[in-house]
Amino acid sequence: MKTILEKLYSQEYLTEQEASDLLTGIVNKEFNDAQIASILTVFIMRPINSTELIAFQNVLLEMAIPFETDGLDTIDVCGTGGDGKNSFNISTLSAFVVAGAGYKVVKHGNYGVSSLCGSSNVLEDMGVVFSNDKDKLKKQLDRANICFLHAPLFHPAMKAVAPLRKALGVRTFFNMLGPLVNPSKPNHQLTGVFSLELGRIYNKIQSQNNRNYSVIHSIDGYDEISLTGPFKYFNNKGEGTIHPEDFDLERITEKDIYGGATITESAAIFKNVLQNEATGPQKEVVLCNAATAINCFDFDKSFQDCYAEAKTSIESGNAEKAFLEMCK
């Protein structure tokens, strides 16, 4: 471990085995808090590469409590967080819209660390009780088309470092890992990332995971389609840049999708979107992300058709119904 630490502090990249040993050592408490903080800081000061990220992913998945979906066609809609934008919970809402449109969603999420309100924060505030009871989760998936996997209940490894991550209050490589370690290993995935560089790494990793995927990053920094400007996408068919005007939509402002100063304010926006009482920009940004997720099931389907399915999900009340059914 001393050799690995010295290599890290010299800003050198780790081999896959070294990265695996490092994260295993962190999880097994072979380092003290000061050492772990310094390790996390190294990966803030220099970019992580795909070899290291894949090794970390494999360690967490090996240690995770698995959740089998018995061959169902499923998707996760998840962002890395860490973009510092404090938008409302767009990806989480999009997951319920996708579920309301009839698709099976196994949403993986956690409390916010570098942001005020992660998916677990807002859902908990709205009365969702987290569980790793597999029978209960499968019933939710059958009844509501969606279930929520609260990361600390499935990843003892992530739970072990949660207090230190919270104390640091900045994004770390654990932010990058969240969408990669869904214990159900869905065969479709929409992932938002906080940087273009990470988008390229994710594209490389996801292309090896035998799933339909889209990785998105808004050029102005959001880990989702923000409609505040163009966004970059990577998927099974290639990559490109899309502008809001390409969707026949107007650009919106950061203020339009601000998540509020408290978790309660974020929850209020969440409820408004589900009840089709949100502002125009709030609704549009959720619809665009949900449509992009739906498109992961069939890339030959037009965005307009996917958007129409998402819009029907909200306006028919099916998205809200999916949320209420999951809460039972």
C-alpha atoms as a PDB file:
ATOM      1  CA  MET A   1       0.000   0.000   0.000  1.00  0.00           C
ATOM      2  CA  LYS A   2       2.886   2.370   0.706  1.00  0.00           C
ATOM      3  CA  THR A   3       4.138   1.844  -2.829  1.00  0.00           C
ATOM      4  CA  ILE A   4       0.686   2.578  -4.247  1.00  0.00           C
ATOM      5  CA  LEU A   5       0.362   5.725  -2.145  1.00  0.00           C
ATOM      6  CA  GLU A   6       3.775   6.980  -3.238  1.00  0.00           C
ATOM      7  CA  LYS A   7       2.808   6.354  -6.852  1.00  0.00           C
ATOM      8  CA  LEU A   8      -0.422   8.293  -6.370  1.00  0.00           C
ATOM      9  CA  TYR A   9       1.299  11.210  -4.669  1.00  0.00           C
ATOM     10  CA  SER A  10       3.695  11.373  -7.615  1.00  0.00           C
ATOM     11  CA  GLN A  11       0.646  11.883  -9.875  1.00  0.00           C
ATOM     12  CA  GLU A  12       1.248   8.554 -11.607  1.00  0.00           C
ATOM     13  CA  TYR A  13      -1.583   6.374 -12.881  1.00  0.00           C
ATOM     14  CA  LEU A  14      -2.316   3.020 -11.271  1.00  0.00           C
ATOM     15  CA  THR A  15      -2.526  -0.349 -12.936  1.00  0.00           C
ATOM     16  CA  GLU A  16      -5.862  -2.166 -12.746  1.00  0.00           C
ATOM     17  CA  GLN A  17      -4.541  -4.394  -9.957  1.00  0.00           C
ATOM     18  CA  GLU A  18      -3.137  -1.452  -7.997  1.00  0.00           C
ATOM     19  CA  ALA A  19      -6.423   0.436  -8.290  1.00  0.00           C
ATOM     20  CA  SER A  20      -8.322  -2.655  -7.179  1.00  0.00           C
ATOM     21  CA  ASP A  21      -6.020  -3.126  -4.184  1.00  0.00           C
ATOM     22  CA  LEU A  22      -6.346   0.550  -3.289  1.00  0.00           C
ATOM     23  CA  LEU A  23     -10.143   0.606  -3.143  1.00  0.00           C
ATOM     24  CA  THR A  24     -10.219  -2.754  -1.360  1.00  0.00           C
ATOM     25  CA  GLY A  25      -7.857  -1.288   1.221  1.00  0.00           C
ATOM     26  CA  ILE A  26     -10.069   1.766   1.684  1.00  0.00           C
ATOM     27  CA  VAL A  27     -13.154  -0.376   2.182  1.00  0.00           C
ATOM     28  CA  ASN A  28     -11.369  -2.721   4.588  1.00  0.00           C
ATOM     29  CA  LYS A  29     -10.220   0.263   6.679  1.00  0.00           C
ATOM     30  CA  GLU A  30      -6.519  -0.321   6.006  1.00  0.00           C
ATOM     31  CA  PHE A  31      -6.140   3.478   5.836  1.00  0.00           C
ATOM     32  CA  ASN A  32      -7.009   6.134   8.380  1.00  0.00           C
ATOM     33  CA  ASP A  33      -9.295   9.043   7.543  1.00  0.00           C
ATOM     34  CA  ALA A  34      -6.386  11.389   6.793  1.00  0.00           C
ATOM     35  CA  GLN A  35      -4.934   8.931   4.301  1.00  0.00           C
ATOM     36  CA  ILE A  36      -8.291   8.326   2.633  1.00  0.00           C
ATOM     37  CA  ALA A  37      -8.870  12.072   2.355  1.00  0.00           C
ATOM     38  CA  SER A  38      -5.486  12.502   0.728  1.00  0.00           C
ATOM     39  CA  ILE A  39      -6.204   9.639  -1.704  1.00  0.00           C
ATOM     40  CA  LEU A  40      -9.517  11.199  -2.708  1.00  0.00           C
ATOM     41  CA  THR A  41      -7.747  14.539  -3.131  1.00  0.00           C
ATOM     42  CA  VAL A  42      -5.236  13.041  -5.563  1.00  0.00           C
ATOM     43  CA  PHE A  43      -8.100  12.077  -7.859  1.00  0.00           C
ATOM     44  CA  ILE A  44      -9.433  15.615  -7.632  1.00  0.00           C
ATOM     45  CA  MET A  45      -6.056  17.086  -8.531  1.00  0.00           C
ATOM     46  CA  ARG A  46      -5.502  14.793 -11.516  1.00  0.00           C
ATOM     47  CA  PRO A  47      -8.083  13.091 -13.763  1.00  0.00           C
ATOM     48  CA  ILE A  48      -8.971   9.459 -13.288  1.00  0.00           C
ATOM     49  CA  ASN A  49      -8.512   7.176 -16.292  1.00  0.00           C
ATOM     50  CA  SER A  50     -10.674   4.336 -17.574  1.00  0.00           C
ATOM     51  CA  THR A  51      -8.378   1.602 -16.207  1.00  0.00           C
ATOM     52  CA  GLU A  52      -8.671   2.955 -12.666  1.00  0.00           C
ATOM     53  CA  LEU A  53     -12.401   3.589 -12.922  1.00  0.00           C
ATOM     54  CA  ILE A  54     -13.097   0.091 -14.264  1.00  0.00           C
ATOM     55  CA  ALA A  55     -11.066  -1.421 -11.427  1.00  0.00           C
ATOM     56  CA  PHE A  56     -12.996   0.615  -8.843  1.00  0.00           C
ATOM     57  CA  GLN A  57     -16.285  -0.377 -10.515  1.00  0.00           C
ATOM     58  CA  ASN A  58     -15.409  -4.060 -10.370  1.00  0.00           C
ATOM     59  CA  VAL A  59     -14.487  -3.899  -6.677  1.00  0.00           C
ATOM     60  CA  LEU A  60     -17.763  -2.213  -5.724  1.00  0.00           C
ATOM     61  CA  LEU A  61     -19.880  -4.582  -7.826  1.00  0.00           C
ATOM     62  CA  GLU A  62     -18.128  -7.614  -6.321  1.00  0.00           C
ATOM     63  CA  MET A  63     -18.859  -6.314  -2.814  1.00  0.00           C
ATOM     64  CA  ALA A  64     -22.407  -5.169  -3.580  1.00  0.00           C
ATOM     65  CA  ILE A  65     -25.599  -6.927  -2.522  1.00  0.00           C
ATOM     66  CA  PRO A  66     -26.968  -8.086  -5.909  1.00  0.00           C
ATOM     67  CA  PHE A  67     -30.498  -7.400  -7.090  1.00  0.00           C
ATOM     68  CA  GLU A  68     -31.715  -9.698  -9.849  1.00  0.00           C
ATOM     69  CA  THR A  69     -34.545  -8.573 -12.125  1.00  0.00           C
ATOM     70  CA  ASP A  70     -35.193 -12.042 -13.581  1.00  0.00           C
ATOM     71  CA  GLY A  71     -34.466 -11.132 -17.183  1.00  0.00           C
ATOM     72  CA  LEU A  72     -36.649  -8.009 -17.319  1.00  0.00           C
ATOM     73  CA  ASP A  73     -35.777  -5.274 -19.802  1.00  0.00           C
ATOM     74  CA  THR A  74     -34.743  -2.481 -17.410  1.00  0.00           C
ATOM     75  CA  ILE A  75     -33.117   0.932 -17.405  1.00  0.00           C
ATOM     76  CA  ASP A  76     -31.391   3.176 -14.901  1.00  0.00           C
ATOM     77  CA  VAL A  77     -31.600   6.957 -15.266  1.00  0.00           C
ATOM     78  CA  CYS A  78     -28.810   8.388 -13.185  1.00  0.00           C
ATOM     79  CA  GLY A  79     -26.368  11.287 -13.048  1.00  0.00           C
ATOM     80  CA  THR A  80     -22.963  11.496 -11.442  1.00  0.00           C
ATOM     81  CA  GLY A  81     -23.851  14.694  -9.613  1.00  0.00           C
ATOM     82  CA  GLY A  82     -20.948  16.931  -8.774  1.00  0.00           C
ATOM     83  CA  ASP A  83     -21.723  19.558 -11.409  1.00  0.00           C
ATOM     84  CA  GLY A  84     -22.169  22.296  -8.781  1.00  0.00           C
ATOM     85  CA  LYS A  85     -25.268  23.627 -10.547  1.00  0.00           C
ATOM     86  CA  ASN A  86     -27.889  22.904  -7.861  1.00  0.00           C
ATOM     87  CA  SER A  87     -30.613  22.093 -10.349  1.00  0.00           C
ATOM     88  CA  PHE A  88     -33.720  20.259  -9.195  1.00  0.00           C
ATOM     89  CA  ASN A  89     -33.777  16.456  -9.340  1.00  0.00           C
ATOM     90  CA  ILE A  90     -34.171  16.126 -13.088  1.00  0.00           C
ATOM     91  CA  SER A  91     -32.839  12.596 -13.589  1.00  0.00           C
ATOM     92  CA  THR A  92     -34.886  11.200 -10.689  1.00  0.00           C
ATOM     93  CA  LEU A  93     -38.057  12.778 -12.031  1.00  0.00           C
ATOM     94  CA  SER A  94     -37.230  11.505 -15.503  1.00  0.00           C
ATOM     95  CA  ALA A  95     -37.048   7.987 -14.073  1.00  0.00           C
ATOM     96  CA  PHE A  96     -40.659   8.215 -12.862  1.00  0.00           C
ATOM     97  CA  VAL A  97     -41.754   9.642 -16.203  1.00  0.00           C
ATOM     98  CA  VAL A  98     -40.113   6.708 -17.990  1.00  0.00           C
ATOM     99  CA  ALA A  99     -41.847   4.312 -15.585  1.00  0.00           C
ATOM    100  CA  GLY A 100     -45.161   6.065 -16.216  1.00  0.00           C
ATOM    101  CA  ALA A 101     -44.618   5.500 -19.936  1.00  0.00           C
ATOM    102  CA  GLY A 102     -44.566   1.743 -19.287  1.00  0.00           C
ATOM    103  CA  TYR A 103     -40.855   0.951 -19.072  1.00  0.00           C
ATOM    104  CA  LYS A 104     -39.179  -0.883 -16.177  1.00  0.00           C
ATOM    105  CA  VAL A 105     -36.818   1.337 -14.191  1.00  0.00           C
ATOM    106  CA  VAL A 106     -34.376   0.246 -11.500  1.00  0.00           C
ATOM    107  CA  LYS A 107     -33.174   3.595 -10.197  1.00  0.00           C
ATOM    108  CA  HIS A 108     -29.891   3.694  -8.299  1.00  0.00           C
ATOM    109  CA  GLY A 109     -29.234   6.730  -6.099  1.00  0.00           C
ATOM    110  CA  ASN A 110     -27.775   8.216  -2.960  1.00  0.00           C
ATOM    111  CA  TYR A 111     -27.769  11.236  -0.694  1.00  0.00           C
ATOM    112  CA  GLY A 112     -26.180  14.385  -2.074  1.00  0.00           C
ATOM    113  CA  VAL A 113     -22.551  14.835  -1.078  1.00  0.00           C
ATOM    114  CA  SER A 114     -21.284  17.748  -3.134  1.00  0.00           C
ATOM    115  CA  SER A 115     -24.818  19.025  -3.731  1.00  0.00           C
ATOM    116  CA  LEU A 116     -27.695  19.988  -1.467  1.00  0.00           C
ATOM    117  CA  CYS A 117     -30.218  17.406  -2.602  1.00  0.00           C
ATOM    118  CA  GLY A 118     -29.457  14.020  -4.103  1.00  0.00           C
ATOM    119  CA  SER A 119     -32.117  11.583  -5.260  1.00  0.00           C
ATOM    120  CA  SER A 120     -32.258   9.888  -1.844  1.00  0.00           C
ATOM    121  CA  ASN A 121     -32.680  13.236  -0.083  1.00  0.00           C
ATOM    122  CA  VAL A 122     -35.706  14.302  -2.108  1.00  0.00           C
ATOM    123  CA  LEU A 123     -37.365  10.881  -2.089  1.00  0.00           C
ATOM    124  CA  GLU A 124     -36.890  10.514   1.659  1.00  0.00           C
ATOM    125  CA  ASP A 125     -38.378  13.974   2.198  1.00  0.00           C
ATOM    126  CA  MET A 126     -41.423  12.861   0.197  1.00  0.00           C
ATOM    127  CA  GLY A 127     -41.943   9.819   2.373  1.00  0.00           C
ATOM    128  CA  VAL A 128     -40.140   7.058   0.487  1.00  0.00           C
ATOM    129  CA  VAL A 129     -38.811   4.376   2.853  1.00  0.00           C
ATOM    130  CA  PHE A 130     -35.624   2.803   1.533  1.00  0.00           C
ATOM    131  CA  SER A 131     -35.289  -0.969   1.565  1.00  0.00           C
ATOM    132  CA  ASN A 132     -33.089  -3.769   0.288  1.00  0.00           C
ATOM    133  CA  ASP A 133     -35.865  -6.322   0.740  1.00  0.00           C
ATOM    134  CA  LYS A 134     -35.728  -7.970  -2.675  1.00  0.00           C
ATOM    135  CA  ASP A 135     -39.306  -9.248  -2.614  1.00  0.00           C
ATOM    136  CA  LYS A 136     -40.617  -5.791  -1.774  1.00  0.00           C
ATOM    137  CA  LEU A 137     -38.543  -4.175  -4.518  1.00  0.00           C
ATOM    138  CA  LYS A 138     -39.670  -6.720  -7.102  1.00  0.00           C
ATOM    139  CA  LYS A 139     -43.298  -6.067  -6.187  1.00  0.00           C
ATOM    140  CA  GLN A 140     -42.708  -2.340  -6.662  1.00  0.00           C
ATOM    141  CA  LEU A 141     -41.101  -2.987 -10.028  1.00  0.00           C
ATOM    142  CA  ASP A 142     -44.065  -5.120 -11.075  1.00  0.00           C
ATOM    143  CA  ARG A 143     -46.730  -2.769  -9.748  1.00  0.00           C
ATOM    144  CA  ALA A 144     -45.183   0.668 -10.355  1.00  0.00           C
ATOM    145  CA  ASN A 145     -42.651  -0.126 -13.116  1.00  0.00           C
ATOM    146  CA  ILE A 146     -39.976   1.342 -10.862  1.00  0.00           C
ATOM    147  CA  CYS A 147     -38.045   0.608  -7.696  1.00  0.00           C
ATOM    148  CA  PHE A 148     -35.302   2.582  -5.977  1.00  0.00           C
ATOM    149  CA  LEU A 149     -31.994   1.118  -4.841  1.00  0.00           C
ATOM    150  CA  HIS A 150     -30.577   3.351  -2.099  1.00  0.00           C
ATOM    151  CA  ALA A 151     -26.825   2.926  -2.551  1.00  0.00           C
ATOM    152  CA  PRO A 152     -25.781   2.564   1.128  1.00  0.00           C
ATOM    153  CA  LEU A 153     -28.158  -0.395   1.534  1.00  0.00           C
ATOM    154  CA  PHE A 154     -26.555  -2.227  -1.377  1.00  0.00           C
ATOM    155  CA  HIS A 155     -22.971  -1.023  -1.160  1.00  0.00           C
ATOM    156  CA  PRO A 156     -21.386  -1.502   2.269  1.00  0.00           C
ATOM    157  CA  ALA A 157     -18.210  -0.175   0.681  1.00  0.00           C
ATOM    158  CA  MET A 158     -19.795   3.176  -0.184  1.00  0.00           C
ATOM    159  CA  LYS A 159     -21.437   3.384   3.229  1.00  0.00           C
ATOM    160  CA  ALA A 160     -18.032   3.035   4.878  1.00  0.00           C
ATOM    161  CA  VAL A 161     -16.698   6.238   3.296  1.00  0.00           C
ATOM    162  CA  ALA A 162     -19.937   8.243   3.356  1.00  0.00           C
ATOM    163  CA  PRO A 163     -19.091  10.326   6.478  1.00  0.00           C
ATOM    164  CA  LEU A 164     -15.708  11.312   5.076  1.00  0.00           C
ATOM    165  CA  ARG A 165     -17.171  12.195   1.673  1.00  0.00           C
ATOM    166  CA  LYS A 166     -19.755  14.353   3.400  1.00  0.00           C
ATOM    167  CA  ALA A 167     -17.086  16.042   5.492  1.00  0.00           C
ATOM    168  CA  LEU A 168     -15.028  16.843   2.385  1.00  0.00           C
ATOM    169  CA  GLY A 169     -18.117  18.242   0.654  1.00  0.00           C
ATOM    170  CA  VAL A 170     -16.646  18.059  -2.858  1.00  0.00           C
ATOM    171  CA  ARG A 171     -17.078  15.589  -5.680  1.00  0.00           C
ATOM    172  CA  THR A 172     -14.756  12.586  -5.607  1.00  0.00           C
ATOM    173  CA  PHE A 173     -14.302   9.481  -7.734  1.00  0.00           C
ATOM    174  CA  PHE A 174     -17.244   7.977  -5.832  1.00  0.00           C
ATOM    175  CA  ASN A 175     -19.462  10.444  -7.721  1.00  0.00           C
ATOM    176  CA  MET A 176     -18.086   9.007 -10.939  1.00  0.00           C
ATOM    177  CA  LEU A 177     -18.761   5.456  -9.761  1.00  0.00           C
ATOM    178  CA  GLY A 178     -22.408   5.808  -8.722  1.00  0.00           C
ATOM    179  CA  PRO A 179     -24.037   5.209 -12.119  1.00  0.00           C
ATOM    180  CA  LEU A 180     -21.598   2.390 -12.917  1.00  0.00           C
ATOM    181  CA  VAL A 181     -22.417   0.216  -9.924  1.00  0.00           C
ATOM    182  CA  ASN A 182     -26.168  -0.317 -10.039  1.00  0.00           C
ATOM    183  CA  PRO A 183     -26.481  -3.758  -8.347  1.00  0.00           C
ATOM    184  CA  SER A 184     -29.167  -4.839 -10.829  1.00  0.00           C
ATOM    185  CA  LYS A 185     -26.859  -4.292 -13.840  1.00  0.00           C
ATOM    186  CA  PRO A 186     -29.664  -2.946 -16.076  1.00  0.00           C
ATOM    187  CA  ASN A 187     -29.408  -3.604 -19.800  1.00  0.00           C
ATOM    188  CA  HIS A 188     -30.227   0.015 -20.689  1.00  0.00           C
ATOM    189  CA  GLN A 189     -28.856   3.169 -19.118  1.00  0.00           C
ATOM    190  CA  LEU A 190     -28.995   6.949 -19.437  1.00  0.00           C
ATOM    191  CA  THR A 191     -26.165   8.614 -17.559  1.00  0.00           C
ATOM    192  CA  GLY A 192     -25.405  12.285 -17.113  1.00  0.00           C
ATOM    193  CA  VAL A 193     -21.798  13.248 -16.360  1.00  0.00           C
ATOM    194  CA  PHE A 194     -20.260  16.464 -15.014  1.00  0.00           C
ATOM    195  CA  SER A 195     -17.468  16.811 -17.580  1.00  0.00           C
ATOM    196  CA  LEU A 196     -16.801  16.064 -21.221  1.00  0.00           C
ATOM    197  CA  GLU A 197     -13.644  14.165 -20.300  1.00  0.00           C
ATOM    198  CA  LEU A 198     -15.631  11.864 -18.012  1.00  0.00           C
ATOM    199  CA  GLY A 199     -18.194  11.462 -20.793  1.00  0.00           C
ATOM    200  CA  ARG A 200     -15.519   9.998 -23.046  1.00  0.00           C
ATOM    201  CA  ILE A 201     -14.385   7.609 -20.297  1.00  0.00           C
ATOM    202  CA  TYR A 202     -17.968   6.524 -19.644  1.00  0.00           C
ATOM    203  CA  ASN A 203     -18.510   5.965 -23.345  1.00  0.00           C
ATOM    204  CA  LYS A 204     -15.511   3.630 -23.424  1.00  0.00           C
ATOM    205  CA  ILE A 205     -16.699   1.718 -20.348  1.00  0.00           C
ATOM    206  CA  GLN A 206     -20.365   1.494 -21.333  1.00  0.00           C
ATOM    207  CA  SER A 207     -19.510   0.300 -24.832  1.00  0.00           C
ATOM    208  CA  GLN A 208     -17.944  -2.772 -23.186  1.00  0.00           C
ATOM    209  CA  ASN A 209     -20.907  -3.489 -20.888  1.00  0.00           C
ATOM    210  CA  ASN A 210     -23.251  -5.058 -23.454  1.00  0.00           C
ATOM    211  CA  ARG A 211     -26.099  -2.609 -22.897  1.00  0.00           C
ATOM    212  CA  ASN A 212     -27.925   0.136 -24.761  1.00  0.00           C
ATOM    213  CA  TYR A 213     -26.689   3.398 -23.312  1.00  0.00           C
ATOM    214  CA  SER A 214     -26.559   7.140 -23.702  1.00  0.00           C
ATOM    215  CA  VAL A 215     -24.067   9.336 -21.895  1.00  0.00           C
ATOM    216  CA  ILE A 216     -24.912  13.042 -21.834  1.00  0.00           C
ATOM    217  CA  HIS A 217     -23.150  16.228 -20.741  1.00  0.00           C
ATOM    218  CA  SER A 218     -24.357  19.777 -21.218  1.00  0.00           C
ATOM    219  CA  ILE A 219     -21.522  21.902 -22.548  1.00  0.00           C
ATOM    220  CA  ASP A 220     -22.068  24.530 -19.836  1.00  0.00           C
ATOM    221  CA  GLY A 221     -21.464  21.927 -17.130  1.00  0.00           C
ATOM    222  CA  TYR A 222     -24.729  20.183 -16.225  1.00  0.00           C
ATOM    223  CA  ASP A 223     -24.759  16.399 -15.750  1.00  0.00           C
ATOM    224  CA  GLU A 224     -28.031  16.201 -17.691  1.00  0.00           C
ATOM    225  CA  ILE A 225     -29.771  17.801 -20.660  1.00  0.00           C
ATOM    226  CA  SER A 226     -30.340  21.266 -19.221  1.00  0.00           C
ATOM    227  CA  LEU A 227     -31.690  23.103 -22.300  1.00  0.00           C
ATOM    228  CA  THR A 228     -29.521  26.043 -21.192  1.00  0.00           C
ATOM    229  CA  GLY A 229     -27.337  25.347 -24.221  1.00  0.00           C
ATOM    230  CA  PRO A 230     -26.047  22.498 -26.368  1.00  0.00           C
ATOM    231  CA  PHE A 231     -25.220  19.088 -24.931  1.00  0.00           C
ATOM    232  CA  LYS A 232     -22.850  16.349 -26.001  1.00  0.00           C
ATOM    233  CA  TYR A 233     -24.050  12.757 -26.262  1.00  0.00           C
ATOM    234  CA  PHE A 234     -22.360   9.389 -26.666  1.00  0.00           C
ATOM    235  CA  ASN A 235     -24.344   6.217 -27.372  1.00  0.00           C
ATOM    236  CA  ASN A 236     -24.173   2.840 -29.113  1.00  0.00           C
ATOM    237  CA  LYS A 237     -24.576   4.500 -32.501  1.00  0.00           C
ATOM    238  CA  GLY A 238     -21.967   7.240 -32.102  1.00  0.00           C
ATOM    239  CA  GLU A 239     -21.610  10.717 -30.664  1.00  0.00           C
ATOM    240  CA  GLY A 240     -22.642  14.244 -31.429  1.00  0.00           C
ATOM    241  CA  THR A 241     -23.781  17.628 -30.179  1.00  0.00           C
ATOM    242  CA  ILE A 242     -27.417  18.697 -29.978  1.00  0.00           C
ATOM    243  CA  HIS A 243     -28.808  22.192 -29.436  1.00  0.00           C
ATOM    244  CA  PRO A 244     -32.234  22.926 -27.878  1.00  0.00           C
ATOM    245  CA  GLU A 245     -33.276  24.389 -31.213  1.00  0.00           C
ATOM    246  CA  ASP A 246     -32.774  20.937 -32.761  1.00  0.00           C
ATOM    247  CA  PHE A 247     -35.722  19.831 -30.589  1.00  0.00           C
ATOM    248  CA  ASP A 248     -37.705  22.913 -31.635  1.00  0.00           C
ATOM    249  CA  LEU A 249     -37.359  24.141 -28.052  1.00  0.00           C
ATOM    250  CA  GLU A 250     -36.248  27.498 -26.706  1.00  0.00           C
ATOM    251  CA  ARG A 251     -33.172  27.799 -24.530  1.00  0.00           C
ATOM    252  CA  ILE A 252     -33.841  28.301 -20.836  1.00  0.00           C
ATOM    253  CA  THR A 253     -31.798  29.857 -18.041  1.00  0.00           C
ATOM    254  CA  GLU A 254     -30.056  28.375 -15.007  1.00  0.00           C
ATOM    255  CA  LYS A 255     -32.628  30.152 -12.842  1.00  0.00           C
ATOM    256  CA  ASP A 256     -35.414  28.226 -14.587  1.00  0.00           C
ATOM    257  CA  ILE A 257     -34.120  24.883 -13.278  1.00  0.00           C
ATOM    258  CA  TYR A 258     -32.724  25.980  -9.921  1.00  0.00           C
ATOM    259  CA  GLY A 259     -33.544  23.396  -7.266  1.00  0.00           C
ATOM    260  CA  GLY A 260     -34.106  25.732  -4.334  1.00  0.00           C
ATOM    261  CA  ALA A 261     -32.215  26.452  -1.128  1.00  0.00           C
ATOM    262  CA  THR A 262     -33.568  23.494   0.848  1.00  0.00           C
ATOM    263  CA  ILE A 263     -34.520  19.870   0.321  1.00  0.00           C
ATOM    264  CA  THR A 264     -38.143  20.827   1.010  1.00  0.00           C
ATOM    265  CA  GLU A 265     -38.055  23.337  -1.846  1.00  0.00           C
ATOM    266  CA  SER A 266     -36.625  20.664  -4.159  1.00  0.00           C
ATOM    267  CA  ALA A 267     -39.388  18.283  -3.073  1.00  0.00           C
ATOM    268  CA  ALA A 268     -42.015  20.913  -3.885  1.00  0.00           C
ATOM    269  CA  ILE A 269     -40.693  21.191  -7.441  1.00  0.00           C
ATOM    270  CA  PHE A 270     -40.641  17.404  -7.656  1.00  0.00           C
ATOM    271  CA  LYS A 271     -44.302  17.200  -6.697  1.00  0.00           C
ATOM    272  CA  ASN A 272     -45.260  19.980  -9.114  1.00  0.00           C
ATOM    273  CA  VAL A 273     -43.634  18.191 -12.049  1.00  0.00           C
ATOM    274  CA  LEU A 274     -45.371  14.900 -11.239  1.00  0.00           C
ATOM    275  CA  GLN A 275     -48.722  16.667 -10.899  1.00  0.00           C
ATOM    276  CA  ASN A 276     -48.227  18.542 -14.184  1.00  0.00           C
ATOM    277  CA  GLU A 277     -48.173  21.856 -12.339  1.00  0.00           C
ATOM    278  CA  ALA A 278     -44.542  22.768 -12.985  1.00  0.00           C
ATOM    279  CA  THR A 279     -43.316  25.749 -14.981  1.00  0.00           C
ATOM    280  CA  GLY A 280     -42.834  25.298 -18.701  1.00  0.00           C
ATOM    281  CA  PRO A 281     -39.014  25.079 -18.501  1.00  0.00           C
ATOM    282  CA  GLN A 282     -39.137  22.629 -15.582  1.00  0.00           C
ATOM    283  CA  LYS A 283     -41.464  20.340 -17.485  1.00  0.00           C
ATOM    284  CA  GLU A 284     -39.568  20.608 -20.774  1.00  0.00           C
ATOM    285  CA  VAL A 285     -36.213  19.693 -19.258  1.00  0.00           C
ATOM    286  CA  VAL A 286     -37.680  16.601 -17.586  1.00  0.00           C
ATOM    287  CA  LEU A 287     -39.422  15.569 -20.802  1.00  0.00           C
ATOM    288  CA  CYS A 288     -36.199  15.863 -22.817  1.00  0.00           C
ATOM    289  CA  ASN A 289     -34.240  13.711 -20.371  1.00  0.00           C
ATOM    290  CA  ALA A 290     -37.041  11.162 -20.105  1.00  0.00           C
ATOM    291  CA  ALA A 291     -37.347  11.017 -23.896  1.00  0.00           C
ATOM    292  CA  THR A 292     -33.607  10.403 -24.212  1.00  0.00           C
ATOM    293  CA  ALA A 293     -33.923   7.553 -21.705  1.00  0.00           C
ATOM    294  CA  ILE A 294     -36.861   6.029 -23.600  1.00  0.00           C
ATOM    295  CA  ASN A 295     -34.803   6.266 -26.777  1.00  0.00           C
ATOM    296  CA  CYS A 296     -32.242   3.897 -25.189  1.00  0.00           C
ATOM    297  CA  PHE A 297     -34.769   1.089 -25.631  1.00  0.00           C
ATOM    298  CA  ASP A 298     -34.892   1.652 -29.396  1.00  0.00           C
ATOM    299  CA  PHE A 299     -32.462   4.012 -31.111  1.00  0.00           C
ATOM    300  CA  ASP A 300     -34.454   3.716 -34.320  1.00  0.00           C
ATOM    301  CA  LYS A 301     -37.383   5.477 -32.656  1.00  0.00           C
ATOM    302  CA  SER A 302     -37.483   9.226 -33.273  1.00  0.00           C
ATOM    303  CA  PHE A 303     -36.883  11.685 -30.461  1.00  0.00           C
ATOM    304  CA  GLN A 304     -40.282  13.211 -31.200  1.00  0.00           C
ATOM    305  CA  ASP A 305     -42.028   9.884 -30.580  1.00  0.00           C
ATOM    306  CA  CYS A 306     -40.090   9.333 -27.343  1.00  0.00           C
ATOM    307  CA  TYR A 307     -40.906  12.890 -26.257  1.00  0.00           C
ATOM    308  CA  ALA A 308     -44.599  12.278 -26.942  1.00  0.00           C
ATOM    309  CA  GLU A 309     -44.522   9.162 -24.747  1.00  0.00           C
ATOM    310  CA  ALA A 310     -42.886  11.132 -21.927  1.00  0.00           C
ATOM    311  CA  LYS A 311     -45.396  13.958 -22.260  1.00  0.00           C
ATOM    312  CA  THR A 312     -48.316  11.536 -22.105  1.00  0.00           C
ATOM    313  CA  SER A 313     -46.798   9.960 -18.992  1.00  0.00           C
ATOM    314  CA  ILE A 314     -46.936  13.269 -17.125  1.00  0.00           C
ATOM    315  CA  GLU A 315     -50.182  14.639 -18.533  1.00  0.00           C
ATOM    316  CA  SER A 316     -52.114  11.389 -18.032  1.00  0.00           C
ATOM    317  CA  GLY A 317     -51.011  11.196 -14.398  1.00  0.00           C
ATOM    318  CA  ASN A 318     -49.118   7.956 -14.992  1.00  0.00           C
ATOM    319  CA  ALA A 319     -45.795   9.374 -13.826  1.00  0.00           C
ATOM    320  CA  GLU A 320     -47.324  10.433 -10.516  1.00  0.00           C
ATOM    321  CA  LYS A 321     -49.112   7.088 -10.277  1.00  0.00           C
ATOM    322  CA  ALA A 322     -45.763   5.304 -10.651  1.00  0.00           C
ATOM    323  CA  PHE A 323     -44.390   7.329  -7.746  1.00  0.00           C
ATOM    324  CA  LEU A 324     -47.413   6.675  -5.526  1.00  0.00           C
ATOM    325  CA  GLU A 325     -47.437   2.975  -6.349  1.00  0.00           C
ATOM    326  CA  MET A 326     -43.745   2.704  -5.479  1.00  0.00           C
ATOM    327  CA  CYS A 327     -44.437   4.308  -2.104  1.00  0.00           C
ATOM    328  CA  LYS A 328     -46.965   1.617  -1.103  1.00  0.00           C
END
